[in-house]
PDB file of all heavy atoms in Angstrom:
ATOM      1  N   VAL A   1     -15.358  -1.968  -2.111  1.00  0.00           N
ATOM      2  CA  VAL A   1     -14.264  -1.130  -1.651  1.00  0.00           C
ATOM      3  C   VAL A   1     -14.346  -0.951  -0.176  1.00  0.00           C
ATOM      4  O   VAL A   1     -15.320  -0.437   0.357  1.00  0.00           O
ATOM      5  CB  VAL A   1     -14.251   0.273  -2.369  1.00  0.00           C
ATOM      6  CG1 VAL A   1     -13.073   1.128  -1.885  1.00  0.00           C
ATOM      7  CG2 VAL A   1     -14.183   0.106  -3.882  1.00  0.00           C
ATOM      8  N   HIS A   2     -13.343  -1.420   0.559  1.00  0.00           N
ATOM      9  CA  HIS A   2     -13.347  -1.406   2.036  1.00  0.00           C
ATOM     10  C   HIS A   2     -12.419  -0.308   2.535  1.00  0.00           C
ATOM     11  O   HIS A   2     -11.241  -0.269   2.223  1.00  0.00           O
ATOM     12  CB  HIS A   2     -12.895  -2.749   2.563  1.00  0.00           C
ATOM     13  CG  HIS A   2     -13.556  -3.921   1.994  1.00  0.00           C
ATOM     14  ND1 HIS A   2     -14.975  -4.116   2.271  1.00  0.00           N
ATOM     15  CD2 HIS A   2     -13.179  -4.924   1.276  1.00  0.00           C
ATOM     16  CE1 HIS A   2     -15.265  -5.240   1.698  1.00  0.00           C
ATOM     17  NE2 HIS A   2     -14.261  -5.754   1.078  1.00  0.00           N
ATOM     18  N   GLY A   3     -12.962   0.655   3.316  1.00  0.00           N
ATOM     19  CA  GLY A   3     -12.172   1.667   3.919  1.00  0.00           C
ATOM     20  C   GLY A   3     -11.693   1.335   5.305  1.00  0.00           C
ATOM     21  O   GLY A   3     -12.417   0.775   6.025  1.00  0.00           O
ATOM     22  N   ILE A   4     -10.437   1.683   5.603  1.00  0.00           N
ATOM     23  CA  ILE A   4      -9.874   1.443   6.902  1.00  0.00           C
ATOM     24  C   ILE A   4      -9.116   2.738   7.306  1.00  0.00           C
ATOM     25  O   ILE A   4      -8.391   3.337   6.513  1.00  0.00           O
ATOM     26  CB  ILE A   4      -8.865   0.254   6.959  1.00  0.00           C
ATOM     27  CG1 ILE A   4      -9.616  -1.052   6.644  1.00  0.00           C
ATOM     28  CG2 ILE A   4      -8.210   0.155   8.304  1.00  0.00           C
ATOM     29  CD1 ILE A   4      -8.716  -2.284   6.698  1.00  0.00           C
ATOM     30  N   CYS A   5      -9.240   3.147   8.583  1.00  0.00           N
ATOM     31  CA  CYS A   5      -8.473   4.307   9.095  1.00  0.00           C
ATOM     32  C   CYS A   5      -7.004   4.020   8.881  1.00  0.00           C
ATOM     33  O   CYS A   5      -6.505   2.939   9.325  1.00  0.00           O
ATOM     34  CB  CYS A   5      -8.831   4.532  10.557  1.00  0.00           C
ATOM     35  SG  CYS A   5      -7.855   5.847  11.367  1.00  0.00           S
ATOM     36  N   THR A   6      -6.307   4.995   8.364  1.00  0.00           N
ATOM     37  CA  THR A   6      -4.842   4.822   8.107  1.00  0.00           C
ATOM     38  C   THR A   6      -4.109   4.589   9.405  1.00  0.00           C
ATOM     39  O   THR A   6      -3.184   3.759   9.486  1.00  0.00           O
ATOM     40  CB  THR A   6      -4.291   6.088   7.416  1.00  0.00           C
ATOM     41  OG1 THR A   6      -4.828   6.188   6.095  1.00  0.00           O
ATOM     42  CG2 THR A   6      -2.797   6.062   7.297  1.00  0.00           C
ATOM     43  N   LEU A   7      -4.527   5.241  10.517  1.00  0.00           N
ATOM     44  CA  LEU A   7      -3.833   5.024  11.751  1.00  0.00           C
ATOM     45  C   LEU A   7      -3.973   3.624  12.321  1.00  0.00           C
ATOM     46  O   LEU A   7      -3.172   3.056  12.926  1.00  0.00           O
ATOM     47  CB  LEU A   7      -4.352   6.031  12.801  1.00  0.00           C
ATOM     48  CG  LEU A   7      -4.156   7.513  12.429  1.00  0.00           C
ATOM     49  CD1 LEU A   7      -4.689   8.406  13.549  1.00  0.00           C
ATOM     50  CD2 LEU A   7      -2.704   7.868  12.098  1.00  0.00           C
ATOM     51  N   ASP A   8      -5.168   3.009  11.949  1.00  0.00           N
ATOM     52  CA  ASP A   8      -5.428   1.614  12.395  1.00  0.00           C
ATOM     53  C   ASP A   8      -4.441   0.675  11.660  1.00  0.00           C
ATOM     54  O   ASP A   8      -4.015  -0.332  12.273  1.00  0.00           O
ATOM     55  CB  ASP A   8      -6.840   1.228  12.074  1.00  0.00           C
ATOM     56  CG  ASP A   8      -7.861   1.898  12.980  1.00  0.00           C
ATOM     57  OD1 ASP A   8      -7.502   2.723  13.821  1.00  0.00           O
ATOM     58  OD2 ASP A   8      -9.084   1.714  12.721  1.00  0.00           O
ATOM     59  N   GLY A   9      -4.194   0.975  10.447  1.00  0.00           N
ATOM     60  CA  GLY A   9      -3.182   0.130   9.708  1.00  0.00           C
ATOM     61  C   GLY A   9      -1.803   0.210  10.290  1.00  0.00           C
ATOM     62  O   GLY A   9      -1.062  -0.776  10.461  1.00  0.00           O
ATOM     63  N   ILE A  10      -1.400   1.394  10.735  1.00  0.00           N
ATOM     64  CA  ILE A  10      -0.052   1.603  11.391  1.00  0.00           C
ATOM     65  C   ILE A  10      -0.082   0.872  12.751  1.00  0.00           C
ATOM     66  O   ILE A  10       0.939   0.281  13.095  1.00  0.00           O
ATOM     67  CB  ILE A  10       0.335   3.081  11.496  1.00  0.00           C
ATOM     68  CG1 ILE A  10       0.403   3.693  10.057  1.00  0.00           C
ATOM     69  CG2 ILE A  10       1.595   3.321  12.269  1.00  0.00           C
ATOM     70  CD1 ILE A  10       0.580   5.157  10.040  1.00  0.00           C
ATOM     71  N   ALA A  11      -1.193   1.019  13.464  1.00  0.00           N
ATOM     72  CA  ALA A  11      -1.234   0.317  14.771  1.00  0.00           C
ATOM     73  C   ALA A  11      -1.145  -1.195  14.598  1.00  0.00           C
ATOM     74  O   ALA A  11      -0.415  -1.854  15.353  1.00  0.00           O
ATOM     75  CB  ALA A  11      -2.600   0.693  15.414  1.00  0.00           C
ATOM     76  N   TYR A  12      -1.782  -1.708  13.556  1.00  0.00           N
ATOM     77  CA  TYR A  12      -1.739  -3.172  13.263  1.00  0.00           C
ATOM     78  C   TYR A  12      -0.299  -3.596  12.933  1.00  0.00           C
ATOM     79  O   TYR A  12       0.174  -4.645  13.390  1.00  0.00           O
ATOM     80  CB  TYR A  12      -2.671  -3.528  12.193  1.00  0.00           C
ATOM     81  CG  TYR A  12      -2.952  -5.005  12.080  1.00  0.00           C
ATOM     82  CD1 TYR A  12      -3.738  -5.756  13.077  1.00  0.00           C
ATOM     83  CD2 TYR A  12      -2.378  -5.750  11.082  1.00  0.00           C
ATOM     84  CE1 TYR A  12      -3.933  -7.048  12.982  1.00  0.00           C
ATOM     85  CE2 TYR A  12      -2.621  -7.151  10.982  1.00  0.00           C
ATOM     86  CZ  TYR A  12      -3.409  -7.797  11.906  1.00  0.00           C
ATOM     87  OH  TYR A  12      -3.597  -9.159  11.857  1.00  0.00           O
ATOM     88  N   ALA A  13       0.412  -2.733  12.142  1.00  0.00           N
ATOM     89  CA  ALA A  13       1.786  -3.025  11.808  1.00  0.00           C
ATOM     90  C   ALA A  13       2.651  -3.032  13.058  1.00  0.00           C
ATOM     91  O   ALA A  13       3.550  -3.866  13.203  1.00  0.00           O
ATOM     92  CB  ALA A  13       2.303  -1.937  10.857  1.00  0.00           C
ATOM     93  N   ALA A  14       2.393  -2.145  14.000  1.00  0.00           N
ATOM     94  CA  ALA A  14       3.092  -2.109  15.243  1.00  0.00           C
ATOM     95  C   ALA A  14       2.854  -3.410  16.081  1.00  0.00           C
ATOM     96  O   ALA A  14       3.795  -4.000  16.628  1.00  0.00           O
ATOM     97  CB  ALA A  14       2.721  -0.949  16.110  1.00  0.00           C
ATOM     98  N   GLY A  15       1.626  -3.891  16.003  1.00  0.00           N
ATOM     99  CA  GLY A  15       1.407  -5.159  16.663  1.00  0.00           C
ATOM    100  C   GLY A  15       2.054  -6.340  15.985  1.00  0.00           C
ATOM    101  O   GLY A  15       2.583  -7.253  16.674  1.00  0.00           O
ATOM    102  N   GLN A  16       2.097  -6.339  14.642  1.00  0.00           N
ATOM    103  CA  GLN A  16       2.811  -7.398  13.924  1.00  0.00           C
ATOM    104  C   GLN A  16       4.283  -7.424  14.275  1.00  0.00           C
ATOM    105  O   GLN A  16       4.921  -8.473  14.272  1.00  0.00           O
ATOM    106  CB  GLN A  16       2.582  -7.214  12.385  1.00  0.00           C
ATOM    107  CG  GLN A  16       1.222  -7.515  11.864  1.00  0.00           C
ATOM    108  CD  GLN A  16       1.094  -7.358  10.426  1.00  0.00           C
ATOM    109  OE1 GLN A  16       1.582  -6.341   9.798  1.00  0.00           O
ATOM    110  NE2 GLN A  16       0.493  -8.338   9.720  1.00  0.00           N
ATOM    111  N   ALA A  17       4.858  -6.243  14.534  1.00  0.00           N
ATOM    112  CA  ALA A  17       6.243  -6.110  14.878  1.00  0.00           C
ATOM    113  C   ALA A  17       6.544  -6.387  16.345  1.00  0.00           C
ATOM    114  O   ALA A  17       7.723  -6.371  16.815  1.00  0.00           O
ATOM    115  CB  ALA A  17       6.782  -4.732  14.538  1.00  0.00           C
ATOM    116  N   GLY A  18       5.488  -6.653  17.138  1.00  0.00           N
ATOM    117  CA  GLY A  18       5.661  -6.983  18.528  1.00  0.00           C
ATOM    118  C   GLY A  18       5.992  -5.712  19.390  1.00  0.00           C
ATOM    119  O   GLY A  18       6.537  -5.852  20.419  1.00  0.00           O
ATOM    120  N   LEU A  19       5.501  -4.586  18.924  1.00  0.00           N
ATOM    121  CA  LEU A  19       5.871  -3.352  19.603  1.00  0.00           C
ATOM    122  C   LEU A  19       4.708  -2.703  20.320  1.00  0.00           C
ATOM    123  O   LEU A  19       4.841  -1.546  20.843  1.00  0.00           O
ATOM    124  CB  LEU A  19       6.443  -2.305  18.613  1.00  0.00           C
ATOM    125  CG  LEU A  19       7.703  -2.741  17.829  1.00  0.00           C
ATOM    126  CD1 LEU A  19       8.059  -1.740  16.759  1.00  0.00           C
ATOM    127  CD2 LEU A  19       8.835  -2.900  18.799  1.00  0.00           C
ATOM    128  N   ALA A  20       3.571  -3.360  20.327  1.00  0.00           N
ATOM    129  CA  ALA A  20       2.320  -2.695  20.886  1.00  0.00           C
ATOM    130  C   ALA A  20       1.481  -3.671  21.673  1.00  0.00           C
ATOM    131  O   ALA A  20       0.410  -4.051  21.270  1.00  0.00           O
ATOM    132  CB  ALA A  20       1.522  -2.107  19.720  1.00  0.00           C
ATOM    133  N   GLU A  21       1.981  -4.084  22.787  1.00  0.00           N
ATOM    134  CA  GLU A  21       1.270  -5.097  23.624  1.00  0.00           C
ATOM    135  C   GLU A  21       0.259  -4.412  24.588  1.00  0.00           C
ATOM    136  O   GLU A  21      -0.651  -5.005  25.108  1.00  0.00           O
ATOM    137  CB  GLU A  21       2.250  -5.922  24.386  1.00  0.00           C
ATOM    138  CG  GLU A  21       3.180  -6.809  23.451  1.00  0.00           C
ATOM    139  CD  GLU A  21       4.083  -7.615  24.253  1.00  0.00           C
ATOM    140  OE1 GLU A  21       4.097  -7.536  25.496  1.00  0.00           O
ATOM    141  OE2 GLU A  21       4.833  -8.441  23.595  1.00  0.00           O
ATOM    142  N   GLY A  22       0.514  -3.104  24.956  1.00  0.00           N
ATOM    143  CA  GLY A  22      -0.340  -2.424  25.855  1.00  0.00           C
ATOM    144  C   GLY A  22      -0.823  -1.114  25.211  1.00  0.00           C
ATOM    145  O   GLY A  22      -0.704  -0.945  24.031  1.00  0.00           O
ATOM    146  N   PRO A  23      -1.274  -0.098  26.041  1.00  0.00           N
ATOM    147  CA  PRO A  23      -1.650   1.166  25.478  1.00  0.00           C
ATOM    148  C   PRO A  23      -0.553   1.812  24.748  1.00  0.00           C
ATOM    149  O   PRO A  23       0.610   1.819  25.201  1.00  0.00           O
ATOM    150  CB  PRO A  23      -2.063   1.936  26.755  1.00  0.00           C
ATOM    151  CG  PRO A  23      -2.381   0.894  27.777  1.00  0.00           C
ATOM    152  CD  PRO A  23      -1.501  -0.218  27.483  1.00  0.00           C
ATOM    153  N   PHE A  24      -0.840   2.410  23.582  1.00  0.00           N
ATOM    154  CA  PHE A  24       0.170   3.072  22.771  1.00  0.00           C
ATOM    155  C   PHE A  24      -0.511   4.120  21.921  1.00  0.00           C
ATOM    156  O   PHE A  24      -1.703   4.172  21.812  1.00  0.00           O
ATOM    157  CB  PHE A  24       0.988   2.116  21.966  1.00  0.00           C
ATOM    158  CG  PHE A  24       0.256   1.388  20.812  1.00  0.00           C
ATOM    159  CD1 PHE A  24       0.369   1.864  19.527  1.00  0.00           C
ATOM    160  CD2 PHE A  24      -0.617   0.343  21.117  1.00  0.00           C
ATOM    161  CE1 PHE A  24      -0.304   1.209  18.522  1.00  0.00           C
ATOM    162  CE2 PHE A  24      -1.219  -0.339  20.129  1.00  0.00           C
ATOM    163  CZ  PHE A  24      -1.121   0.070  18.764  1.00  0.00           C
ATOM    164  N   VAL A  25       0.278   4.918  21.246  1.00  0.00           N
ATOM    165  CA  VAL A  25      -0.290   5.973  20.396  1.00  0.00           C
ATOM    166  C   VAL A  25       0.335   5.903  18.978  1.00  0.00           C
ATOM    167  O   VAL A  25       1.511   5.471  18.801  1.00  0.00           O
ATOM    168  CB  VAL A  25       0.177   7.410  20.973  1.00  0.00           C
ATOM    169  CG1 VAL A  25      -0.130   8.547  20.025  1.00  0.00           C
ATOM    170  CG2 VAL A  25      -0.499   7.613  22.337  1.00  0.00           C
ATOM    171  N   VAL A  26      -0.506   6.227  18.009  1.00  0.00           N
ATOM    172  CA  VAL A  26      -0.046   6.319  16.599  1.00  0.00           C
ATOM    173  C   VAL A  26      -0.176   7.823  16.233  1.00  0.00           C
ATOM    174  O   VAL A  26      -1.247   8.418  16.473  1.00  0.00           O
ATOM    175  CB  VAL A  26      -0.867   5.449  15.670  1.00  0.00           C
ATOM    176  CG1 VAL A  26      -0.411   5.700  14.208  1.00  0.00           C
ATOM    177  CG2 VAL A  26      -0.702   3.973  16.015  1.00  0.00           C
ATOM    178  N   ALA A  27       0.807   8.394  15.658  1.00  0.00           N
ATOM    179  CA  ALA A  27       0.790   9.747  15.185  1.00  0.00           C
ATOM    180  C   ALA A  27       1.460   9.905  13.863  1.00  0.00           C
ATOM    181  O   ALA A  27       2.577   9.378  13.657  1.00  0.00           O
ATOM    182  CB  ALA A  27       1.497  10.649  16.229  1.00  0.00           C
ATOM    183  N   THR A  28       0.803  10.591  12.941  1.00  0.00           N
ATOM    184  CA  THR A  28       1.348  10.855  11.607  1.00  0.00           C
ATOM    185  C   THR A  28       1.540  12.417  11.429  1.00  0.00           C
ATOM    186  O   THR A  28       0.867  13.194  12.140  1.00  0.00           O
ATOM    187  CB  THR A  28       0.521  10.282  10.479  1.00  0.00           C
ATOM    188  OG1 THR A  28      -0.811  10.784  10.520  1.00  0.00           O
ATOM    189  CG2 THR A  28       0.443   8.746  10.626  1.00  0.00           C
ATOM    190  N   ASP A  29       2.260  12.781  10.436  1.00  0.00           N
ATOM    191  CA  ASP A  29       2.546  14.202  10.204  1.00  0.00           C
ATOM    192  C   ASP A  29       1.349  14.801   9.479  1.00  0.00           C
ATOM    193  O   ASP A  29       0.972  14.378   8.415  1.00  0.00           O
ATOM    194  CB  ASP A  29       3.793  14.366   9.339  1.00  0.00           C
ATOM    195  CG  ASP A  29       4.130  15.818   9.090  1.00  0.00           C
ATOM    196  OD1 ASP A  29       3.628  16.718   9.799  1.00  0.00           O
ATOM    197  OD2 ASP A  29       4.905  16.117   8.161  1.00  0.00           O
ATOM    198  N   ALA A  30       0.704  15.837  10.108  1.00  0.00           N
ATOM    199  CA  ALA A  30      -0.405  16.543   9.496  1.00  0.00           C
ATOM    200  C   ALA A  30       0.025  17.878   8.931  1.00  0.00           C
ATOM    201  O   ALA A  30      -0.818  18.648   8.500  1.00  0.00           O
ATOM    202  CB  ALA A  30      -1.487  16.816  10.588  1.00  0.00           C
ATOM    203  N   ARG A  31       1.311  18.137   8.939  1.00  0.00           N
ATOM    204  CA  ARG A  31       1.882  19.426   8.465  1.00  0.00           C
ATOM    205  C   ARG A  31       1.318  20.560   9.349  1.00  0.00           C
ATOM    206  O   ARG A  31       0.692  20.296  10.322  1.00  0.00           O
ATOM    207  CB  ARG A  31       1.549  19.659   6.970  1.00  0.00           C
ATOM    208  CG  ARG A  31       2.093  18.489   6.084  1.00  0.00           C
ATOM    209  CD  ARG A  31       1.668  18.711   4.617  1.00  0.00           C
ATOM    210  NE  ARG A  31       2.079  17.541   3.886  1.00  0.00           N
ATOM    211  CZ  ARG A  31       1.686  17.324   2.612  1.00  0.00           C
ATOM    212  NH1 ARG A  31       0.892  18.177   1.974  1.00  0.00           N
ATOM    213  NH2 ARG A  31       2.044  16.239   1.924  1.00  0.00           N
ATOM    214  N   ARG A  32       1.643  21.781   9.039  1.00  0.00           N
ATOM    215  CA  ARG A  32       1.244  22.957   9.824  1.00  0.00           C
ATOM    216  C   ARG A  32       1.619  22.831  11.307  1.00  0.00           C
ATOM    217  O   ARG A  32       0.954  23.302  12.194  1.00  0.00           O
ATOM    218  CB  ARG A  32      -0.284  23.170   9.752  1.00  0.00           C
ATOM    219  CG  ARG A  32      -0.850  23.317   8.360  1.00  0.00           C
ATOM    220  CD  ARG A  32      -2.312  23.742   8.427  1.00  0.00           C
ATOM    221  NE  ARG A  32      -2.973  23.468   7.176  1.00  0.00           N
ATOM    222  CZ  ARG A  32      -4.334  23.588   7.040  1.00  0.00           C
ATOM    223  NH1 ARG A  32      -5.104  23.854   8.071  1.00  0.00           N
ATOM    224  NH2 ARG A  32      -4.918  23.312   5.833  1.00  0.00           N
ATOM    225  N   LYS A  33       2.718  22.078  11.580  1.00  0.00           N
ATOM    226  CA  LYS A  33       3.126  21.784  12.983  1.00  0.00           C
ATOM    227  C   LYS A  33       2.082  21.070  13.781  1.00  0.00           C
ATOM    228  O   LYS A  33       1.967  21.287  14.986  1.00  0.00           O
ATOM    229  CB  LYS A  33       3.568  23.109  13.653  1.00  0.00           C
ATOM    230  CG  LYS A  33       4.766  23.729  12.920  1.00  0.00           C
ATOM    231  CD  LYS A  33       5.190  24.999  13.652  1.00  0.00           C
ATOM    232  CE  LYS A  33       6.383  25.664  12.966  1.00  0.00           C
ATOM    233  NZ  LYS A  33       6.846  26.933  13.576  1.00  0.00           N
TER     234      LYS A  33
END
């Protein structure tokens, strides 16, 4: 069983879509504002 940080998966998806060639940020909803 291989664990991967969820944010890393979203970052990789951004790269696959050609949207992340330089510095960028991934942010997900943590609730509680």
